[in-house]
C-alpha atoms as a PDB file:
ATOM      1  CA  MET A   1     -18.301  -4.630   6.615  1.00  0.00           C
ATOM      2  CA  LEU A   2     -20.333  -5.611   9.667  1.00  0.00           C
ATOM      3  CA  THR A   3     -18.639  -9.012   9.536  1.00  0.00           C
ATOM      4  CA  LEU A   4     -15.187  -7.443   9.431  1.00  0.00           C
ATOM      5  CA  PHE A   5     -16.084  -5.088  12.268  1.00  0.00           C
ATOM      6  CA  ALA A   6     -17.259  -8.082  14.285  1.00  0.00           C
ATOM      7  CA  LEU A   7     -13.697  -9.469  14.158  1.00  0.00           C
ATOM      8  CA  VAL A   8     -12.430  -6.240  15.696  1.00  0.00           C
ATOM      9  CA  VAL A   9     -14.921  -6.760  18.530  1.00  0.00           C
ATOM     10  CA  VAL A  10     -13.677 -10.348  18.990  1.00  0.00           C
ATOM     11  CA  GLY A  11     -10.106  -9.022  19.191  1.00  0.00           C
ATOM     12  CA  TYR A  12     -11.217  -6.475  21.778  1.00  0.00           C
ATOM     13  CA  VAL A  13     -12.877  -9.139  23.936  1.00  0.00           C
ATOM     14  CA  ALA A  14      -9.868 -11.489  23.522  1.00  0.00           C
ATOM     15  CA  GLY A  15      -7.578  -8.675  24.632  1.00  0.00           C
ATOM     16  CA  LYS A  16      -9.709  -7.971  27.691  1.00  0.00           C
ATOM     17  CA  LEU A  17      -9.691 -11.685  28.585  1.00  0.00           C
ATOM     18  CA  GLY A  18      -5.918 -11.942  28.183  1.00  0.00           C
ATOM     19  CA  TYR A  19      -5.827 -14.158  25.080  1.00  0.00           C
ATOM     20  CA  LEU A  20      -4.233 -11.338  23.066  1.00  0.00           C
ATOM     21  CA  GLY A  21      -1.967  -8.426  23.916  1.00  0.00           C
ATOM     22  CA  GLY A  22       1.616  -7.465  24.669  1.00  0.00           C
ATOM     23  CA  ASP A  23       4.345  -9.615  23.133  1.00  0.00           C
ATOM     24  CA  PHE A  24       1.817 -11.907  21.454  1.00  0.00           C
ATOM     25  CA  ASP A  25       0.411  -8.951  19.482  1.00  0.00           C
ATOM     26  CA  ARG A  26       3.924  -7.935  18.426  1.00  0.00           C
ATOM     27  CA  GLN A  27       4.794 -11.452  17.249  1.00  0.00           C
ATOM     28  CA  LEU A  28       1.476 -11.783  15.424  1.00  0.00           C
ATOM     29  CA  SER A  29       2.114  -8.391  13.799  1.00  0.00           C
ATOM     30  CA  ARG A  30       5.496  -9.626  12.543  1.00  0.00           C
ATOM     31  CA  LEU A  31       3.839 -12.759  11.144  1.00  0.00           C
ATOM     32  CA  VAL A  32       1.226 -10.670   9.312  1.00  0.00           C
ATOM     33  CA  ILE A  33       3.705  -8.194   7.845  1.00  0.00           C
ATOM     34  CA  ASN A  34       6.453 -10.604   6.857  1.00  0.00           C
ATOM     35  CA  ILE A  35       4.569 -13.778   5.871  1.00  0.00           C
ATOM     36  CA  THR A  36       0.791 -13.638   5.487  1.00  0.00           C
ATOM     37  CA  CYS A  37       0.613 -10.156   3.921  1.00  0.00           C
ATOM     38  CA  PRO A  38       3.108 -11.002   1.130  1.00  0.00           C
ATOM     39  CA  ALA A  39       1.091 -14.169   0.467  1.00  0.00           C
ATOM     40  CA  LEU A  40      -2.093 -12.089   0.214  1.00  0.00           C
ATOM     41  CA  ILE A  41      -0.425  -9.687  -2.234  1.00  0.00           C
ATOM     42  CA  LEU A  42       0.853 -12.517  -4.435  1.00  0.00           C
ATOM     43  CA  SER A  43      -2.408 -14.455  -4.380  1.00  0.00           C
ATOM     44  CA  SER A  44      -4.298 -11.360  -5.571  1.00  0.00           C
ATOM     45  CA  ALA A  45      -2.611 -11.823  -8.959  1.00  0.00           C
ATOM     46  CA  MET A  46      -3.390 -15.537  -9.116  1.00  0.00           C
ATOM     47  CA  THR A  47      -7.152 -15.472  -9.573  1.00  0.00           C
ATOM     48  CA  GLY A  48      -7.115 -17.664 -12.686  1.00  0.00           C
ATOM     49  CA  GLU A  49      -7.910 -14.875 -15.151  1.00  0.00           C
ATOM     50  CA  LEU A  50      -6.301 -11.519 -15.705  1.00  0.00           C
ATOM     51  CA  PRO A  51      -8.267  -8.287 -16.016  1.00  0.00           C
ATOM     52  CA  ASP A  52      -8.955  -6.523 -19.293  1.00  0.00           C
ATOM     53  CA  ARG A  53      -5.574  -5.280 -20.528  1.00  0.00           C
ATOM     54  CA  GLN A  54      -6.946  -1.816 -21.312  1.00  0.00           C
ATOM     55  CA  PHE A  55      -7.583  -1.047 -17.626  1.00  0.00           C
ATOM     56  CA  ILE A  56      -4.207  -2.100 -16.175  1.00  0.00           C
ATOM     57  CA  LEU A  57      -2.141   0.969 -17.107  1.00  0.00           C
ATOM     58  CA  PRO A  58      -4.915   3.502 -16.322  1.00  0.00           C
ATOM     59  CA  LEU A  59      -5.392   1.876 -12.908  1.00  0.00           C
ATOM     60  CA  LEU A  60      -1.676   2.006 -12.139  1.00  0.00           C
ATOM     61  CA  LEU A  61      -1.463   5.613 -13.379  1.00  0.00           C
ATOM     62  CA  ILE A  62      -4.496   6.846 -11.430  1.00  0.00           C
ATOM     63  CA  SER A  63      -3.177   5.105  -8.327  1.00  0.00           C
ATOM     64  CA  VAL A  64       0.240   6.770  -8.615  1.00  0.00           C
ATOM     65  CA  ILE A  65      -1.355  10.213  -9.051  1.00  0.00           C
ATOM     66  CA  THR A  66      -3.771   9.546  -6.179  1.00  0.00           C
ATOM     67  CA  TYR A  67      -1.059   8.568  -3.708  1.00  0.00           C
ATOM     68  CA  ILE A  68       1.076  11.560  -4.661  1.00  0.00           C
ATOM     69  CA  LEU A  69      -1.903  13.758  -3.758  1.00  0.00           C
ATOM     70  CA  LEU A  70      -2.596  11.796  -0.567  1.00  0.00           C
ATOM     71  CA  ALA A  71       1.072  11.987   0.429  1.00  0.00           C
ATOM     72  CA  GLY A  72       0.880  15.756   0.132  1.00  0.00           C
ATOM     73  CA  ALA A  73      -2.189  15.749   2.378  1.00  0.00           C
ATOM     74  CA  ALA A  74      -0.473  13.385   4.847  1.00  0.00           C
ATOM     75  CA  PHE A  75       2.490  15.701   5.359  1.00  0.00           C
ATOM     76  CA  LEU A  76       0.541  18.979   5.197  1.00  0.00           C
ATOM     77  CA  PHE A  77      -2.730  18.669   7.124  1.00  0.00           C
ATOM     78  CA  PRO A  78      -1.840  16.865  10.411  1.00  0.00           C
ATOM     79  CA  ARG A  79      -0.190  19.998  11.810  1.00  0.00           C
ATOM     80  CA  TYR A  80      -3.595  21.699  11.549  1.00  0.00           C
ATOM     81  CA  LEU A  81      -5.472  18.748  13.069  1.00  0.00           C
ATOM     82  CA  THR A  82      -3.496  18.405  16.308  1.00  0.00           C
ATOM     83  CA  LYS A  83      -1.275  20.439  18.604  1.00  0.00           C
ATOM     84  CA  ASN A  84       0.603  17.307  19.649  1.00  0.00           C
ATOM     85  CA  LYS A  85       3.662  16.944  17.421  1.00  0.00           C
ATOM     86  CA  ALA A  86       3.994  13.254  18.319  1.00  0.00           C
ATOM     87  CA  ASP A  87       0.573  12.495  16.799  1.00  0.00           C
ATOM     88  CA  GLU A  88       1.246  14.078  13.403  1.00  0.00           C
ATOM     89  CA  GLY A  89       2.786  10.945  11.903  1.00  0.00           C
ATOM     90  CA  ALA A  90      -0.127   8.726  12.931  1.00  0.00           C
ATOM     91  CA  LEU A  91      -2.666  11.235  11.609  1.00  0.00           C
ATOM     92  CA  GLY A  92      -0.737  11.575   8.352  1.00  0.00           C
ATOM     93  CA  PHE A  93      -0.768   7.803   7.943  1.00  0.00           C
ATOM     94  CA  ALA A  94      -4.506   7.775   8.685  1.00  0.00           C
ATOM     95  CA  LEU A  95      -5.176  10.402   6.000  1.00  0.00           C
ATOM     96  CA  MET A  96      -3.090   8.638   3.372  1.00  0.00           C
ATOM     97  CA  PHE A  97      -3.894   4.965   3.769  1.00  0.00           C
ATOM     98  CA  GLY A  98      -7.238   3.198   3.655  1.00  0.00           C
ATOM     99  CA  ASN A  99      -7.837  -0.437   4.505  1.00  0.00           C
ATOM    100  CA  VAL A 100      -7.506  -1.591   0.883  1.00  0.00           C
ATOM    101  CA  GLY A 101      -6.319  -5.161   1.249  1.00  0.00           C
ATOM    102  CA  PHE A 102      -8.525  -6.104   4.185  1.00  0.00           C
ATOM    103  CA  MET A 103     -11.810  -4.283   3.536  1.00  0.00           C
ATOM    104  CA  GLY A 104     -11.380  -2.902   0.034  1.00  0.00           C
ATOM    105  CA  TYR A 105     -11.551  -6.246  -1.751  1.00  0.00           C
ATOM    106  CA  PRO A 106     -14.866  -7.480  -0.298  1.00  0.00           C
ATOM    107  CA  VAL A 107     -16.484  -4.046  -0.698  1.00  0.00           C
ATOM    108  CA  VAL A 108     -15.357  -3.743  -4.333  1.00  0.00           C
ATOM    109  CA  ALA A 109     -16.661  -7.252  -5.013  1.00  0.00           C
ATOM    110  CA  SER A 110     -20.051  -6.444  -3.490  1.00  0.00           C
ATOM    111  CA  ILE A 111     -20.480  -3.335  -5.659  1.00  0.00           C
ATOM    112  CA  PHE A 112     -18.692  -4.145  -8.929  1.00  0.00           C
ATOM    113  CA  GLY A 113     -18.714  -7.957  -8.868  1.00  0.00           C
ATOM    114  CA  HIS A 114     -16.039 -10.514  -8.029  1.00  0.00           C
ATOM    115  CA  GLU A 115     -14.187  -9.935 -11.298  1.00  0.00           C
ATOM    116  CA  ALA A 116     -13.389  -6.396 -10.095  1.00  0.00           C
ATOM    117  CA  VAL A 117     -11.298  -7.663  -7.160  1.00  0.00           C
ATOM    118  CA  PHE A 118      -8.295  -7.961  -9.449  1.00  0.00           C
ATOM    119  CA  TYR A 119      -8.608  -4.295 -10.429  1.00  0.00           C
ATOM    120  CA  ALA A 120      -8.546  -3.407  -6.740  1.00  0.00           C
ATOM    121  CA  ALA A 121      -5.447  -5.598  -6.426  1.00  0.00           C
ATOM    122  CA  VAL A 122      -3.751  -3.623  -9.214  1.00  0.00           C
ATOM    123  CA  LEU A 123      -4.506  -0.415  -7.312  1.00  0.00           C
ATOM    124  CA  ASN A 124      -3.240  -2.074  -4.149  1.00  0.00           C
ATOM    125  CA  VAL A 125       0.220  -2.553  -5.675  1.00  0.00           C
ATOM    126  CA  VAL A 126       0.899   1.183  -5.432  1.00  0.00           C
ATOM    127  CA  ASN A 127      -0.798   1.340  -2.023  1.00  0.00           C
ATOM    128  CA  THR A 128       1.425  -1.470  -0.722  1.00  0.00           C
ATOM    129  CA  PHE A 129       4.555   0.237  -2.009  1.00  0.00           C
ATOM    130  CA  ALA A 130       3.501   3.498  -0.354  1.00  0.00           C
ATOM    131  CA  VAL A 131       2.530   1.875   2.986  1.00  0.00           C
ATOM    132  CA  PHE A 132       5.930   0.286   3.489  1.00  0.00           C
ATOM    133  CA  THR A 133       7.900   3.308   2.276  1.00  0.00           C
ATOM    134  CA  ILE A 134       6.127   6.631   2.900  1.00  0.00           C
ATOM    135  CA  GLY A 135       3.946   5.052   5.590  1.00  0.00           C
ATOM    136  CA  THR A 136       6.975   3.839   7.523  1.00  0.00           C
ATOM    137  CA  VAL A 137       8.538   7.304   7.359  1.00  0.00           C
ATOM    138  CA  LEU A 138       5.313   8.791   8.753  1.00  0.00           C
ATOM    139  CA  ILE A 139       5.226   6.298  11.643  1.00  0.00           C
ATOM    140  CA  THR A 140       8.928   6.302  12.565  1.00  0.00           C
ATOM    141  CA  GLY A 141       9.786   9.915  11.821  1.00  0.00           C
ATOM    142  CA  ARG A 142      12.376  11.346   9.484  1.00  0.00           C
ATOM    143  CA  GLY A 143      15.507  11.466  11.624  1.00  0.00           C
ATOM    144  CA  GLU A 144      18.819  10.048  10.416  1.00  0.00           C
ATOM    145  CA  VAL A 145      18.573   6.867  12.495  1.00  0.00           C
ATOM    146  CA  GLU A 146      15.018   6.243  11.401  1.00  0.00           C
ATOM    147  CA  GLN A 147      15.863   6.890   7.768  1.00  0.00           C
ATOM    148  CA  LYS A 148      18.615   4.258   7.805  1.00  0.00           C
ATOM    149  CA  ARG A 149      16.228   1.801   9.414  1.00  0.00           C
ATOM    150  CA  PHE A 150      13.632   2.616   6.751  1.00  0.00           C
ATOM    151  CA  GLU A 151      16.012   1.994   3.841  1.00  0.00           C
ATOM    152  CA  LYS A 152      17.286  -1.333   5.141  1.00  0.00           C
ATOM    153  CA  LYS A 153      14.092  -2.893   6.415  1.00  0.00           C
ATOM    154  CA  VAL A 154      11.461  -1.679   3.996  1.00  0.00           C
ATOM    155  CA  LEU A 155      12.652  -1.438   0.396  1.00  0.00           C
ATOM    156  CA  TYR A 156      13.686  -5.101   0.365  1.00  0.00           C
ATOM    157  CA  SER A 157      11.212  -6.443   2.909  1.00  0.00           C
ATOM    158  CA  THR A 158       9.030  -9.410   2.025  1.00  0.00           C
ATOM    159  CA  PRO A 159       5.902  -7.263   1.421  1.00  0.00           C
ATOM    160  CA  MET A 160       7.826  -5.111  -1.060  1.00  0.00           C
ATOM    161  CA  LEU A 161       9.355  -8.146  -2.791  1.00  0.00           C
ATOM    162  CA  ALA A 162       5.840  -9.558  -3.089  1.00  0.00           C
ATOM    163  CA  ALA A 163       4.627  -6.262  -4.554  1.00  0.00           C
ATOM    164  CA  TYR A 164       7.445  -6.248  -7.134  1.00  0.00           C
ATOM    165  CA  LEU A 165       6.648  -9.829  -8.150  1.00  0.00           C
ATOM    166  CA  THR A 166       2.925  -9.089  -8.373  1.00  0.00           C
ATOM    167  CA  MET A 167       3.576  -6.153 -10.689  1.00  0.00           C
ATOM    168  CA  ALA A 168       5.674  -8.446 -12.887  1.00  0.00           C
ATOM    169  CA  ILE A 169       2.887 -11.043 -13.016  1.00  0.00           C
ATOM    170  CA  VAL A 170       0.386  -8.383 -14.073  1.00  0.00           C
ATOM    171  CA  ALA A 171       2.727  -6.748 -16.599  1.00  0.00           C
ATOM    172  CA  LEU A 172       3.746 -10.049 -18.206  1.00  0.00           C
ATOM    173  CA  ARG A 173       0.199 -11.453 -18.047  1.00  0.00           C
ATOM    174  CA  ILE A 174       1.262 -14.689 -16.408  1.00  0.00           C
ATOM    175  CA  ASP A 175      -2.038 -16.486 -15.905  1.00  0.00           C
ATOM    176  CA  ASN A 176      -1.029 -20.133 -15.755  1.00  0.00           C
ATOM    177  CA  ILE A 177       0.424 -20.329 -12.252  1.00  0.00           C
ATOM    178  CA  PRO A 178      -0.011 -23.902 -10.915  1.00  0.00           C
ATOM    179  CA  ALA A 179      -2.624 -24.504  -8.228  1.00  0.00           C
ATOM    180  CA  ALA A 180       0.113 -26.096  -6.100  1.00  0.00           C
ATOM    181  CA  ILE A 181       1.559 -22.583  -5.757  1.00  0.00           C
ATOM    182  CA  SER A 182      -1.520 -20.350  -5.878  1.00  0.00           C
ATOM    183  CA  GLN A 183      -3.725 -22.303  -3.458  1.00  0.00           C
ATOM    184  CA  PRO A 184      -1.249 -22.441  -0.521  1.00  0.00           C
ATOM    185  CA  LEU A 185      -0.498 -18.734  -1.036  1.00  0.00           C
ATOM    186  CA  THR A 186      -4.218 -17.981  -1.021  1.00  0.00           C
ATOM    187  CA  MET A 187      -4.779 -19.980   2.172  1.00  0.00           C
ATOM    188  CA  LEU A 188      -1.829 -18.305   3.865  1.00  0.00           C
ATOM    189  CA  GLY A 189      -2.920 -14.867   2.661  1.00  0.00           C
ATOM    190  CA  ASN A 190      -6.403 -15.452   4.043  1.00  0.00           C
ATOM    191  CA  ILE A 191      -4.919 -15.402   7.553  1.00  0.00           C
ATOM    192  CA  THR A 192      -4.052 -11.720   7.086  1.00  0.00           C
ATOM    193  CA  VAL A 193      -7.548 -10.278   7.346  1.00  0.00           C
ATOM    194  CA  PRO A 194      -8.719 -11.900  10.619  1.00  0.00           C
ATOM    195  CA  ALA A 195      -5.276 -11.641  12.221  1.00  0.00           C
ATOM    196  CA  ALA A 196      -4.927  -7.934  11.456  1.00  0.00           C
ATOM    197  CA  LEU A 197      -8.444  -7.146  12.658  1.00  0.00           C
ATOM    198  CA  LEU A 198      -7.881  -9.137  15.852  1.00  0.00           C
ATOM    199  CA  ILE A 199      -4.722  -7.094  16.476  1.00  0.00           C
ATOM    200  CA  ILE A 200      -6.714  -3.871  16.057  1.00  0.00           C
ATOM    201  CA  GLY A 201      -9.331  -5.096  18.533  1.00  0.00           C
ATOM    202  CA  SER A 202      -6.675  -6.194  20.985  1.00  0.00           C
ATOM    203  CA  SER A 203      -4.990  -2.775  20.806  1.00  0.00           C
ATOM    204  CA  MET A 204      -8.351  -1.145  21.497  1.00  0.00           C
ATOM    205  CA  SER A 205      -8.788  -3.273  24.619  1.00  0.00           C
ATOM    206  CA  ASN A 206      -6.059  -1.191  26.261  1.00  0.00           C
ATOM    207  CA  LEU A 207      -8.048   2.007  25.766  1.00  0.00           C
ATOM    208  CA  SER A 208     -10.679   3.470  28.046  1.00  0.00           C
ATOM    209  CA  LEU A 209     -14.215   3.792  26.693  1.00  0.00           C
ATOM    210  CA  ARG A 210     -13.851   7.576  26.632  1.00  0.00           C
ATOM    211  CA  THR A 211     -10.632   7.302  24.613  1.00  0.00           C
ATOM    212  CA  MET A 212     -12.230   4.868  22.148  1.00  0.00           C
ATOM    213  CA  LEU A 213     -15.029   7.350  21.492  1.00  0.00           C
ATOM    214  CA  GLY A 214     -12.398   9.701  20.153  1.00  0.00           C
ATOM    215  CA  ASN A 215     -11.997  13.474  20.284  1.00  0.00           C
ATOM    216  CA  ARG A 216     -12.207  16.475  17.996  1.00  0.00           C
ATOM    217  CA  THR A 217      -8.925  15.588  16.276  1.00  0.00           C
ATOM    218  CA  VAL A 218     -10.031  12.003  15.613  1.00  0.00           C
ATOM    219  CA  TYR A 219     -13.374  13.071  14.150  1.00  0.00           C
ATOM    220  CA  ALA A 220     -11.809  15.791  11.979  1.00  0.00           C
ATOM    221  CA  THR A 221      -9.314  13.236  10.654  1.00  0.00           C
ATOM    222  CA  SER A 222     -12.131  10.736  10.063  1.00  0.00           C
ATOM    223  CA  LEU A 223     -14.119  13.312   8.074  1.00  0.00           C
ATOM    224  CA  MET A 224     -11.139  13.952   5.823  1.00  0.00           C
ATOM    225  CA  ARG A 225     -10.296  10.236   5.519  1.00  0.00           C
ATOM    226  CA  LEU A 226     -13.816   9.011   4.690  1.00  0.00           C
ATOM    227  CA  ALA A 227     -15.392  11.916   2.821  1.00  0.00           C
ATOM    228  CA  ILE A 228     -13.375  14.999   1.886  1.00  0.00           C
ATOM    229  CA  LEU A 229     -10.282  13.351   0.365  1.00  0.00           C
ATOM    230  CA  PRO A 230     -12.205  10.660  -1.612  1.00  0.00           C
ATOM    231  CA  VAL A 231     -14.601  13.261  -3.053  1.00  0.00           C
ATOM    232  CA  VAL A 232     -11.811  15.676  -3.998  1.00  0.00           C
ATOM    233  CA  VAL A 233      -9.752  12.916  -5.617  1.00  0.00           C
ATOM    234  CA  HIS A 234     -12.859  11.588  -7.422  1.00  0.00           C
ATOM    235  CA  PHE A 235     -13.564  14.869  -9.195  1.00  0.00           C
ATOM    236  CA  LEU A 236      -9.882  15.620  -9.879  1.00  0.00           C
ATOM    237  CA  MET A 237      -9.459  12.233 -11.579  1.00  0.00           C
ATOM    238  CA  ARG A 238     -12.567  12.874 -13.696  1.00  0.00           C
ATOM    239  CA  MET A 239     -11.119  16.225 -14.734  1.00  0.00           C
ATOM    240  CA  LEU A 240      -7.927  14.429 -15.794  1.00  0.00           C
ATOM    241  CA  GLY A 241      -9.980  12.297 -18.204  1.00  0.00           C
ATOM    242  CA  PHE A 242      -9.937   8.850 -16.596  1.00  0.00           C
ATOM    243  CA  SER A 243     -12.915   6.613 -17.403  1.00  0.00           C
ATOM    244  CA  ASP A 244     -15.817   6.429 -14.944  1.00  0.00           C
ATOM    245  CA  PHE A 245     -15.077   2.754 -14.224  1.00  0.00           C
ATOM    246  CA  VAL A 246     -11.449   3.447 -13.276  1.00  0.00           C
ATOM    247  CA  VAL A 247     -12.341   6.556 -11.250  1.00  0.00           C
ATOM    248  CA  ASN A 248     -15.122   4.789  -9.342  1.00  0.00           C
ATOM    249  CA  ILE A 249     -12.988   1.816  -8.306  1.00  0.00           C
ATOM    250  CA  ASN A 250     -10.146   4.134  -7.293  1.00  0.00           C
ATOM    251  CA  THR A 251     -12.529   6.316  -5.257  1.00  0.00           C
ATOM    252  CA  LEU A 252     -14.032   3.314  -3.496  1.00  0.00           C
ATOM    253  CA  VAL A 253     -10.605   1.929  -2.627  1.00  0.00           C
ATOM    254  CA  ILE A 254      -9.354   5.174  -1.058  1.00  0.00           C
ATOM    255  CA  ALA A 255     -12.634   5.701   0.826  1.00  0.00           C
ATOM    256  CA  MET A 256     -11.892   2.759   3.116  1.00  0.00           C
ATOM    257  CA  PRO A 257     -11.337   3.297   6.859  1.00  0.00           C
ATOM    258  CA  VAL A 258      -7.796   3.690   8.158  1.00  0.00           C
ATOM    259  CA  ALA A 259      -5.476   0.831   7.209  1.00  0.00           C
ATOM    260  CA  THR A 260      -4.861  -1.715   9.957  1.00  0.00           C
ATOM    261  CA  TYR A 261      -1.190  -1.649   8.980  1.00  0.00           C
ATOM    262  CA  GLY A 262      -0.967   1.641  10.882  1.00  0.00           C
ATOM    263  CA  THR A 263      -1.390  -0.097  14.227  1.00  0.00           C
ATOM    264  CA  ILE A 264       0.782  -3.016  13.106  1.00  0.00           C
ATOM    265  CA  LEU A 265       3.629  -0.669  12.113  1.00  0.00           C
ATOM    266  CA  CYS A 266       3.267   1.247  15.384  1.00  0.00           C
ATOM    267  CA  LEU A 267       3.705  -2.035  17.253  1.00  0.00           C
ATOM    268  CA  LYS A 268       6.614  -3.096  15.080  1.00  0.00           C
ATOM    269  CA  TYR A 269       8.533   0.162  15.609  1.00  0.00           C
ATOM    270  CA  GLU A 270       7.441   0.458  19.274  1.00  0.00           C
ATOM    271  CA  LYS A 271       5.415   3.652  18.811  1.00  0.00           C
ATOM    272  CA  ASP A 272       2.351   4.625  20.834  1.00  0.00           C
ATOM    273  CA  THR A 273      -0.746   3.054  19.259  1.00  0.00           C
ATOM    274  CA  THR A 274      -3.378   5.182  21.048  1.00  0.00           C
ATOM    275  CA  THR A 275      -4.085   7.772  18.331  1.00  0.00           C
ATOM    276  CA  MET A 276      -3.831   5.193  15.562  1.00  0.00           C
ATOM    277  CA  THR A 277      -6.235   2.760  17.197  1.00  0.00           C
ATOM    278  CA  GLU A 278      -8.680   5.571  18.005  1.00  0.00           C
ATOM    279  CA  VAL A 279      -8.870   6.821  14.424  1.00  0.00           C
ATOM    280  CA  THR A 280      -8.904   3.262  13.065  1.00  0.00           C
ATOM    281  CA  PHE A 281     -11.815   2.339  15.337  1.00  0.00           C
ATOM    282  CA  ILE A 282     -13.871   5.460  14.569  1.00  0.00           C
ATOM    283  CA  THR A 283     -13.310   5.332  10.789  1.00  0.00           C
ATOM    284  CA  THR A 284     -14.133   1.619  10.681  1.00  0.00           C
ATOM    285  CA  LEU A 285     -17.372   2.307  12.535  1.00  0.00           C
ATOM    286  CA  LEU A 286     -18.352   5.358  10.451  1.00  0.00           C
ATOM    287  CA  SER A 287     -17.410   3.713   7.148  1.00  0.00           C
ATOM    288  CA  MET A 288     -20.475   1.501   7.427  1.00  0.00           C
ATOM    289  CA  ILE A 289     -22.434   4.693   6.729  1.00  0.00           C
ATOM    290  CA  SER A 290     -19.993   6.753   4.649  1.00  0.00           C
ATOM    291  CA  ILE A 291     -19.203   4.148   1.984  1.00  0.00           C
ATOM    292  CA  PRO A 292     -22.842   3.431   1.006  1.00  0.00           C
ATOM    293  CA  LEU A 293     -23.484   7.205   0.914  1.00  0.00           C
ATOM    294  CA  LEU A 294     -20.478   7.842  -1.355  1.00  0.00           C
ATOM    295  CA  VAL A 295     -21.590   5.087  -3.721  1.00  0.00           C
ATOM    296  CA  MET A 296     -25.138   6.484  -3.879  1.00  0.00           C
ATOM    297  CA  LEU A 297     -23.999  10.072  -4.456  1.00  0.00           C
ATOM    298  CA  LEU A 298     -21.013   9.628  -6.796  1.00  0.00           C
ATOM    299  CA  PHE A 299     -21.409   6.403  -8.783  1.00  0.00           C
END
């Protein structure tokens, strides 16, 4: 996590020095969303061996239930966290979406072993679907014009097509994909993590130091994102009878800091990135403490 955070710092410095920013950030965001992210999603199902069949359906089911609960929180709580109506969408996105694809995979691997990355990828299928559907609604708003834009550009976008194909690969247990296909996709997908983190850092370079340190709204949102929601979901899923292994991986995945896609989507739809970058920065910083604590206390 320190390594990933270091890339944000590099992006910040590059933004200050003029290497990143403005139109370049927007073009890089488009590249990440439309090309490297789909490659990352597809390559997550091309690890060479599929997970234990018995965990696939429980993981998909717990993920669906989890994101229904998080969606409720995303639309309900922001109005109590801020008086600024324009910030409610960004805060809702922050509450609902953790940095699964970028930070979730390495953290899951460090705690559960490399074989568990695929289980995180199964969970990430539902997360990806939600980011580019519900997440886009949160960022753009729910007006008629925005809704038409959402339907045309999201449901059949390349990230969603990649998510559909990944679900098919998992469901059909296709484990003999040629290296000529899987290796280029993996290499291309590997661009996603550093590029997205550099974009976050670059966006932060436009903020004053006081703004980057956040405010009461940012810290309240961070507390819910990193601690309250993961703990509540953890115990609810146990009450529903899911196995400890499935519950623990799901809890760890949703305890990640705010997804970098929030800033990327703000740039793509020309929305103000200030609140999103603030809460992304603070949650990324605090997660270096919160995630180890959650693992010690719950697992």
